[in-house]
Structure formats: C-alpha cells, structure tokens
C-alpha cells in the first residue's frame, strides 16, 4: 500500500470512492491549513471537501453536508 492517500475518498459505503482499507489507516484532512475532523468526502484535484453539518440527517439517514472549495491536504496519521 502506498504512503499517499488517494485523490478522492468518501466515508459513505455506497459511494464508488469508498475504500475501507484506506479509511482503516486513519486518514487526516487539512483544509485551508486547518485540521478538519468532520469530512465526509474530499477531492484534491478539484479542490473541495464535503463536511457534515451538526447531527442532522436527511430523509435517507445520511448526514447533512456542505461542500466547500479550497486547498485540500490528505495525510495518514502516524498511529495507523
């Protein structure tokens, strides 16, 4: 396995960008230089993150999210 996270990753198991093996390695995300812990999905090449907002859910049970644009820096945390 490589030491660089993928260009795009999602925590939603129904997404084509979901990868349980990589998520198990504890991926961290820096968005605009700030550590974010509520990231549901990210894309480095397109420069956006999808963050969960509060504890609200939509009618399908998925977290309510907001999409923000800016520089995204994924990395593997040391403990993984």
PDB file of N, CA and C in Angstrom:
ATOM      1  N   UNK A   1       0.844  -1.181   0.000  1.00  0.00           N
ATOM      2  CA  UNK A   1       0.000   0.000   0.000  1.00  0.00           C
ATOM      3  C   UNK A   1       0.891   1.246   0.000  1.00  0.00           C
ATOM      4  N   UNK A   2       0.468   2.254  -0.693  1.00  0.00           N
ATOM      5  CA  UNK A   2       1.240   3.486  -0.841  1.00  0.00           C
ATOM      6  C   UNK A   2       1.109   4.394   0.390  1.00  0.00           C
ATOM      7  N   UNK A   3       2.049   5.317   0.536  1.00  0.00           N
ATOM      8  CA  UNK A   3       2.037   6.235   1.672  1.00  0.00           C
ATOM      9  C   UNK A   3       1.320   7.536   1.374  1.00  0.00           C
ATOM     10  N   UNK A   4       0.722   7.665   0.188  1.00  0.00           N
ATOM     11  CA  UNK A   4      -0.045   8.867  -0.130  1.00  0.00           C
ATOM     12  C   UNK A   4      -1.522   8.493  -0.267  1.00  0.00           C
ATOM     13  N   UNK A   5      -2.394   9.246   0.373  1.00  0.00           N
ATOM     14  CA  UNK A   5      -3.838   8.967   0.252  1.00  0.00           C
ATOM     15  C   UNK A   5      -4.323   9.189  -1.178  1.00  0.00           C
ATOM     16  N   UNK A   6      -5.456   8.605  -1.547  1.00  0.00           N
ATOM     17  CA  UNK A   6      -5.980   8.774  -2.908  1.00  0.00           C
ATOM     18  C   UNK A   6      -6.450  10.204  -3.168  1.00  0.00           C
ATOM     19  N   UNK A   7      -6.622  10.510  -4.463  1.00  0.00           N
ATOM     20  CA  UNK A   7      -7.076  11.840  -4.871  1.00  0.00           C
ATOM     21  C   UNK A   7      -8.484  12.133  -4.359  1.00  0.00           C
ATOM     22  N   UNK A   8      -9.313  11.106  -4.293  1.00  0.00           N
ATOM     23  CA  UNK A   8     -10.695  11.297  -3.838  1.00  0.00           C
ATOM     24  C   UNK A   8     -11.089  10.127  -2.938  1.00  0.00           C
ATOM     25  N   UNK A   9     -11.761  10.433  -1.825  1.00  0.00           N
ATOM     26  CA  UNK A   9     -12.143   9.409  -0.872  1.00  0.00           C
ATOM     27  C   UNK A   9     -13.437   9.813  -0.186  1.00  0.00           C
ATOM     28  N   UNK A  10     -14.281   8.822   0.098  1.00  0.00           N
ATOM     29  CA  UNK A  10     -15.563   9.067   0.748  1.00  0.00           C
ATOM     30  C   UNK A  10     -15.756   8.095   1.905  1.00  0.00           C
ATOM     31  N   UNK A  11     -16.438   8.539   2.962  1.00  0.00           N
ATOM     32  CA  UNK A  11     -16.750   7.664   4.084  1.00  0.00           C
ATOM     33  C   UNK A  11     -18.059   6.910   3.874  1.00  0.00           C
ATOM     34  N   UNK A  12     -18.834   7.285   2.860  1.00  0.00           N
ATOM     35  CA  UNK A  12     -20.122   6.649   2.563  1.00  0.00           C
ATOM     36  C   UNK A  12     -19.885   5.300   1.874  1.00  0.00           C
ATOM     37  N   UNK A  13     -20.314   4.175   2.470  1.00  0.00           N
ATOM     38  CA  UNK A  13     -20.100   2.852   1.869  1.00  0.00           C
ATOM     39  C   UNK A  13     -20.783   2.683   0.510  1.00  0.00           C
ATOM     40  N   UNK A  14     -21.788   3.488   0.195  1.00  0.00           N
ATOM     41  CA  UNK A  14     -22.483   3.380  -1.094  1.00  0.00           C
ATOM     42  C   UNK A  14     -21.781   4.164  -2.204  1.00  0.00           C
ATOM     43  N   UNK A  15     -20.760   4.937  -1.873  1.00  0.00           N
ATOM     44  CA  UNK A  15     -20.048   5.751  -2.851  1.00  0.00           C
ATOM     45  C   UNK A  15     -19.023   4.913  -3.617  1.00  0.00           C
ATOM     46  N   UNK A  16     -18.825   5.203  -4.906  1.00  0.00           N
ATOM     47  CA  UNK A  16     -17.777   4.490  -5.659  1.00  0.00           C
ATOM     48  C   UNK A  16     -16.369   4.885  -5.191  1.00  0.00           C
ATOM     49  N   UNK A  17     -16.245   5.942  -4.415  1.00  0.00           N
ATOM     50  CA  UNK A  17     -14.941   6.410  -3.927  1.00  0.00           C
ATOM     51  C   UNK A  17     -14.657   5.940  -2.498  1.00  0.00           C
ATOM     52  N   UNK A  18     -15.466   5.030  -1.972  1.00  0.00           N
ATOM     53  CA  UNK A  18     -15.276   4.481  -0.626  1.00  0.00           C
ATOM     54  C   UNK A  18     -14.231   3.368  -0.681  1.00  0.00           C
ATOM     55  N   UNK A  19     -13.261   3.387   0.243  1.00  0.00           N
ATOM     56  CA  UNK A  19     -12.243   2.342   0.342  1.00  0.00           C
ATOM     57  C   UNK A  19     -11.994   2.065   1.821  1.00  0.00           C
ATOM     58  N   UNK A  20     -12.540   0.970   2.320  1.00  0.00           N
ATOM     59  CA  UNK A  20     -12.465   0.644   3.751  1.00  0.00           C
ATOM     60  C   UNK A  20     -11.030   0.434   4.217  1.00  0.00           C
ATOM     61  N   UNK A  21     -10.178  -0.148   3.374  1.00  0.00           N
ATOM     62  CA  UNK A  21      -8.779  -0.392   3.764  1.00  0.00           C
ATOM     63  C   UNK A  21      -8.041   0.915   4.020  1.00  0.00           C
ATOM     64  N   UNK A  22      -8.248   1.892   3.168  1.00  0.00           N
ATOM     65  CA  UNK A  22      -7.574   3.183   3.341  1.00  0.00           C
ATOM     66  C   UNK A  22      -8.143   3.931   4.538  1.00  0.00           C
ATOM     67  N   UNK A  23      -9.459   3.885   4.723  1.00  0.00           N
ATOM     68  CA  UNK A  23     -10.076   4.545   5.873  1.00  0.00           C
ATOM     69  C   UNK A  23      -9.602   3.925   7.185  1.00  0.00           C
ATOM     70  N   UNK A  24      -9.303   2.641   7.181  1.00  0.00           N
ATOM     71  CA  UNK A  24      -8.806   1.963   8.380  1.00  0.00           C
ATOM     72  C   UNK A  24      -7.420   2.463   8.770  1.00  0.00           C
ATOM     73  N   UNK A  25      -6.692   3.055   7.829  1.00  0.00           N
ATOM     74  CA  UNK A  25      -5.358   3.599   8.114  1.00  0.00           C
ATOM     75  C   UNK A  25      -5.417   4.983   8.746  1.00  0.00           C
ATOM     76  N   UNK A  26      -6.598   5.509   9.022  1.00  0.00           N
ATOM     77  CA  UNK A  26      -6.790   6.786   9.713  1.00  0.00           C
ATOM     78  C   UNK A  26      -6.268   7.962   8.879  1.00  0.00           C
ATOM     79  N   UNK A  27      -7.063   8.371   7.914  1.00  0.00           N
ATOM     80  CA  UNK A  27      -6.718   9.497   7.038  1.00  0.00           C
ATOM     81  C   UNK A  27      -7.098  10.801   7.729  1.00  0.00           C
ATOM     82  N   UNK A  28      -6.170  11.738   7.768  1.00  0.00           N
ATOM     83  CA  UNK A  28      -6.430  13.074   8.289  1.00  0.00           C
ATOM     84  C   UNK A  28      -6.562  14.053   7.128  1.00  0.00           C
ATOM     85  N   UNK A  29      -7.311  15.129   7.324  1.00  0.00           N
ATOM     86  CA  UNK A  29      -7.536  16.122   6.271  1.00  0.00           C
ATOM     87  C   UNK A  29      -7.219  17.513   6.808  1.00  0.00           C
ATOM     88  N   UNK A  30      -6.392  18.246   6.060  1.00  0.00           N
ATOM     89  CA  UNK A  30      -6.174  19.667   6.327  1.00  0.00           C
ATOM     90  C   UNK A  30      -6.852  20.423   5.199  1.00  0.00           C
ATOM     91  N   UNK A  31      -7.781  21.305   5.564  1.00  0.00           N
ATOM     92  CA  UNK A  31      -8.491  22.119   4.582  1.00  0.00           C
ATOM     93  C   UNK A  31      -8.165  23.572   4.868  1.00  0.00           C
ATOM     94  N   UNK A  32      -7.557  24.235   3.909  1.00  0.00           N
ATOM     95  CA  UNK A  32      -7.087  25.620   4.062  1.00  0.00           C
ATOM     96  C   UNK A  32      -6.162  25.747   5.269  1.00  0.00           C
ATOM     97  N   UNK A  33      -5.340  24.708   5.495  1.00  0.00           N
ATOM     98  CA  UNK A  33      -4.363  24.724   6.575  1.00  0.00           C
ATOM     99  C   UNK A  33      -4.895  24.387   7.944  1.00  0.00           C
ATOM    100  N   UNK A  34      -6.192  24.042   8.067  1.00  0.00           N
ATOM    101  CA  UNK A  34      -6.810  23.740   9.361  1.00  0.00           C
ATOM    102  C   UNK A  34      -7.245  22.274   9.377  1.00  0.00           C
ATOM    103  N   UNK A  35      -6.917  21.568  10.458  1.00  0.00           N
ATOM    104  CA  UNK A  35      -7.316  20.169  10.618  1.00  0.00           C
ATOM    105  C   UNK A  35      -8.843  20.068  10.728  1.00  0.00           C
ATOM    106  N   UNK A  36      -9.439  19.225   9.899  1.00  0.00           N
ATOM    107  CA  UNK A  36     -10.895  19.010   9.928  1.00  0.00           C
ATOM    108  C   UNK A  36     -11.185  17.565  10.332  1.00  0.00           C
ATOM    109  N   UNK A  37     -12.148  17.385  11.229  1.00  0.00           N
ATOM    110  CA  UNK A  37     -12.492  16.045  11.698  1.00  0.00           C
ATOM    111  C   UNK A  37     -13.871  15.600  11.235  1.00  0.00           C
ATOM    112  N   UNK A  38     -14.617  16.468  10.565  1.00  0.00           N
ATOM    113  CA  UNK A  38     -15.975  16.126  10.132  1.00  0.00           C
ATOM    114  C   UNK A  38     -16.090  15.997   8.612  1.00  0.00           C
ATOM    115  N   UNK A  39     -15.026  15.540   7.951  1.00  0.00           N
ATOM    116  CA  UNK A  39     -15.014  15.403   6.495  1.00  0.00           C
ATOM    117  C   UNK A  39     -15.705  14.106   6.090  1.00  0.00           C
ATOM    118  N   UNK A  40     -16.696  14.203   5.233  1.00  0.00           N
ATOM    119  CA  UNK A  40     -17.398  13.039   4.706  1.00  0.00           C
ATOM    120  C   UNK A  40     -16.784  12.586   3.380  1.00  0.00           C
ATOM    121  N   UNK A  41     -16.288  13.534   2.592  1.00  0.00           N
ATOM    122  CA  UNK A  41     -15.701  13.224   1.281  1.00  0.00           C
ATOM    123  C   UNK A  41     -14.768  14.359   0.904  1.00  0.00           C
ATOM    124  N   UNK A  42     -13.724  14.042   0.121  1.00  0.00           N
ATOM    125  CA  UNK A  42     -12.819  15.084  -0.360  1.00  0.00           C
ATOM    126  C   UNK A  42     -12.324  14.754  -1.752  1.00  0.00           C
ATOM    127  N   UNK A  43     -11.858  15.769  -2.471  1.00  0.00           N
ATOM    128  CA  UNK A  43     -11.226  15.596  -3.775  1.00  0.00           C
ATOM    129  C   UNK A  43     -10.091  16.612  -3.877  1.00  0.00           C
ATOM    130  N   UNK A  44      -8.869  16.125  -3.981  1.00  0.00           N
ATOM    131  CA  UNK A  44      -7.706  17.001  -4.026  1.00  0.00           C
ATOM    132  C   UNK A  44      -7.617  17.717  -5.367  1.00  0.00           C
ATOM    133  N   UNK A  45      -7.791  16.984  -6.488  1.00  0.00           N
ATOM    134  CA  UNK A  45      -7.614  17.581  -7.809  1.00  0.00           C
ATOM    135  C   UNK A  45      -8.650  18.664  -8.110  1.00  0.00           C
ATOM    136  N   UNK A  46      -9.872  18.507  -7.598  1.00  0.00           N
ATOM    137  CA  UNK A  46     -10.911  19.516  -7.822  1.00  0.00           C
ATOM    138  C   UNK A  46     -10.931  20.557  -6.706  1.00  0.00           C
ATOM    139  N   UNK A  47     -10.231  20.307  -5.603  1.00  0.00           N
ATOM    140  CA  UNK A  47     -10.088  21.278  -4.516  1.00  0.00           C
ATOM    141  C   UNK A  47     -11.353  21.521  -3.714  1.00  0.00           C
ATOM    142  N   UNK A  48     -11.977  20.448  -3.186  1.00  0.00           N
ATOM    143  CA  UNK A  48     -13.167  20.620  -2.356  1.00  0.00           C
ATOM    144  C   UNK A  48     -13.252  19.533  -1.295  1.00  0.00           C
ATOM    145  N   UNK A  49     -14.005  19.843  -0.249  1.00  0.00           N
ATOM    146  CA  UNK A  49     -14.348  18.875   0.798  1.00  0.00           C
ATOM    147  C   UNK A  49     -15.844  18.950   1.044  1.00  0.00           C
ATOM    148  N   UNK A  50     -16.414  17.856   1.502  1.00  0.00           N
ATOM    149  CA  UNK A  50     -17.818  17.818   1.899  1.00  0.00           C
ATOM    150  C   UNK A  50     -17.815  17.532   3.396  1.00  0.00           C
ATOM    151  N   UNK A  51     -18.285  18.517   4.187  1.00  0.00           N
ATOM    152  CA  UNK A  51     -18.271  18.430   5.639  1.00  0.00           C
ATOM    153  C   UNK A  51     -19.677  18.174   6.178  1.00  0.00           C
ATOM    154  N   UNK A  52     -19.768  17.319   7.193  1.00  0.00           N
ATOM    155  CA  UNK A  52     -21.068  17.108   7.836  1.00  0.00           C
ATOM    156  C   UNK A  52     -21.377  18.316   8.708  1.00  0.00           C
ATOM    157  N   UNK A  53     -22.657  18.669   8.763  1.00  0.00           N
ATOM    158  CA  UNK A  53     -23.104  19.853   9.496  1.00  0.00           C
ATOM    159  C   UNK A  53     -23.965  19.397  10.664  1.00  0.00           C
ATOM    160  N   UNK A  54     -23.465  19.519  11.861  1.00  0.00           N
ATOM    161  CA  UNK A  54     -24.223  19.132  13.047  1.00  0.00           C
ATOM    162  C   UNK A  54     -24.530  17.648  13.076  1.00  0.00           C
ATOM    163  N   UNK A  55     -25.614  17.308  13.756  1.00  0.00           N
ATOM    164  CA  UNK A  55     -26.021  15.907  13.863  1.00  0.00           C
ATOM    165  C   UNK A  55     -27.257  15.613  13.022  1.00  0.00           C
ATOM    166  N   UNK A  56     -27.653  16.559  12.174  1.00  0.00           N
ATOM    167  CA  UNK A  56     -28.845  16.392  11.346  1.00  0.00           C
ATOM    168  C   UNK A  56     -28.671  15.324  10.280  1.00  0.00           C
ATOM    169  N   UNK A  57     -29.785  14.726   9.895  1.00  0.00           N
ATOM    170  CA  UNK A  57     -29.808  13.698   8.856  1.00  0.00           C
ATOM    171  C   UNK A  57     -30.862  14.050   7.811  1.00  0.00           C
ATOM    172  N   UNK A  58     -30.618  13.637   6.567  1.00  0.00           N
ATOM    173  CA  UNK A  58     -31.622  13.839   5.535  1.00  0.00           C
ATOM    174  C   UNK A  58     -32.650  12.707   5.607  1.00  0.00           C
ATOM    175  N   UNK A  59     -33.611  12.680   4.712  1.00  0.00           N
ATOM    176  CA  UNK A  59     -34.686  11.690   4.796  1.00  0.00           C
ATOM    177  C   UNK A  59     -34.212  10.259   4.530  1.00  0.00           C
ATOM    178  N   UNK A  60     -33.005  10.101   3.980  1.00  0.00           N
ATOM    179  CA  UNK A  60     -32.456   8.769   3.745  1.00  0.00           C
ATOM    180  C   UNK A  60     -31.522   8.326   4.874  1.00  0.00           C
ATOM    181  N   UNK A  61     -31.345   9.166   5.889  1.00  0.00           N
ATOM    182  CA  UNK A  61     -30.494   8.813   7.014  1.00  0.00           C
ATOM    183  C   UNK A  61     -29.041   9.203   6.855  1.00  0.00           C
ATOM    184  N   UNK A  62     -28.721   9.908   5.780  1.00  0.00           N
ATOM    185  CA  UNK A  62     -27.347  10.359   5.545  1.00  0.00           C
ATOM    186  C   UNK A  62     -27.110  11.692   6.240  1.00  0.00           C
ATOM    187  N   UNK A  63     -25.869  11.964   6.657  1.00  0.00           N
ATOM    188  CA  UNK A  63     -25.593  13.250   7.304  1.00  0.00           C
ATOM    189  C   UNK A  63     -25.813  14.415   6.341  1.00  0.00           C
ATOM    190  N   UNK A  64     -26.294  15.525   6.862  1.00  0.00           N
ATOM    191  CA  UNK A  64     -26.439  16.736   6.053  1.00  0.00           C
ATOM    192  C   UNK A  64     -25.039  17.329   5.890  1.00  0.00           C
ATOM    193  N   UNK A  65     -24.683  17.666   4.653  1.00  0.00           N
ATOM    194  CA  UNK A  65     -23.326  18.128   4.367  1.00  0.00           C
ATOM    195  C   UNK A  65     -23.331  19.462   3.637  1.00  0.00           C
ATOM    196  N   UNK A  66     -22.172  20.106   3.671  1.00  0.00           N
ATOM    197  CA  UNK A  66     -21.938  21.326   2.913  1.00  0.00           C
ATOM    198  C   UNK A  66     -20.617  21.133   2.165  1.00  0.00           C
ATOM    199  N   UNK A  67     -20.576  21.600   0.912  1.00  0.00           N
ATOM    200  CA  UNK A  67     -19.391  21.453   0.076  1.00  0.00           C
ATOM    201  C   UNK A  67     -18.635  22.780   0.058  1.00  0.00           C
ATOM    202  N   UNK A  68     -17.352  22.737   0.440  1.00  0.00           N
ATOM    203  CA  UNK A  68     -16.506  23.931   0.471  1.00  0.00           C
ATOM    204  C   UNK A  68     -15.329  23.757  -0.465  1.00  0.00           C
ATOM    205  N   UNK A  69     -14.945  24.841  -1.139  1.00  0.00           N
ATOM    206  CA  UNK A  69     -13.815  24.802  -2.064  1.00  0.00           C
ATOM    207  C   UNK A  69     -12.589  25.439  -1.436  1.00  0.00           C
ATOM    208  N   UNK A  70     -11.430  24.869  -1.739  1.00  0.00           N
ATOM    209  CA  UNK A  70     -10.164  25.377  -1.233  1.00  0.00           C
ATOM    210  C   UNK A  70      -9.112  24.286  -1.296  1.00  0.00           C
ATOM    211  N   UNK A  71      -7.882  24.598  -0.864  1.00  0.00           N
ATOM    212  CA  UNK A  71      -6.811  23.595  -0.900  1.00  0.00           C
ATOM    213  C   UNK A  71      -7.046  22.475   0.119  1.00  0.00           C
ATOM    214  N   UNK A  72      -6.903  21.234  -0.348  1.00  0.00           N
ATOM    215  CA  UNK A  72      -7.134  20.045   0.472  1.00  0.00           C
ATOM    216  C   UNK A  72      -5.822  19.273   0.584  1.00  0.00           C
ATOM    217  N   UNK A  73      -5.448  18.894   1.813  1.00  0.00           N
ATOM    218  CA  UNK A  73      -4.221  18.133   2.051  1.00  0.00           C
ATOM    219  C   UNK A  73      -4.540  16.881   2.866  1.00  0.00           C
ATOM    220  N   UNK A  74      -4.732  15.725   2.210  1.00  0.00           N
ATOM    221  CA  UNK A  74      -4.947  14.488   2.973  1.00  0.00           C
ATOM    222  C   UNK A  74      -3.605  13.895   3.395  1.00  0.00           C
ATOM    223  N   UNK A  75      -3.602  13.197   4.528  1.00  0.00           N
ATOM    224  CA  UNK A  75      -2.385  12.535   5.012  1.00  0.00           C
ATOM    225  C   UNK A  75      -2.787  11.380   5.913  1.00  0.00           C
ATOM    226  N   UNK A  76      -1.857  10.445   6.095  1.00  0.00           N
ATOM    227  CA  UNK A  76      -2.081   9.347   7.032  1.00  0.00           C
ATOM    228  C   UNK A  76      -1.529   9.758   8.372  1.00  0.00           C
ATOM    229  N   UNK A  77      -2.336   9.589   9.422  1.00  0.00           N
ATOM    230  CA  UNK A  77      -1.870   9.903  10.779  1.00  0.00           C
ATOM    231  C   UNK A  77      -0.852   8.858  11.191  1.00  0.00           C
ATOM    232  N   UNK A  78       0.050   9.224  12.069  1.00  0.00           N
ATOM    233  CA  UNK A  78       1.173   8.352  12.468  1.00  0.00           C
ATOM    234  C   UNK A  78       0.729   7.065  13.159  1.00  0.00           C
ATOM    235  N   UNK A  79      -0.332   7.115  13.974  1.00  0.00           N
ATOM    236  CA  UNK A  79      -0.748   5.972  14.763  1.00  0.00           C
ATOM    237  C   UNK A  79      -1.322   4.817  13.968  1.00  0.00           C
ATOM    238  N   UNK A  80      -1.616   5.022  12.704  1.00  0.00           N
ATOM    239  CA  UNK A  80      -2.284   3.971  11.904  1.00  0.00           C
ATOM    240  C   UNK A  80      -1.315   2.999  11.312  1.00  0.00           C
TER     241      UNK A  80
END
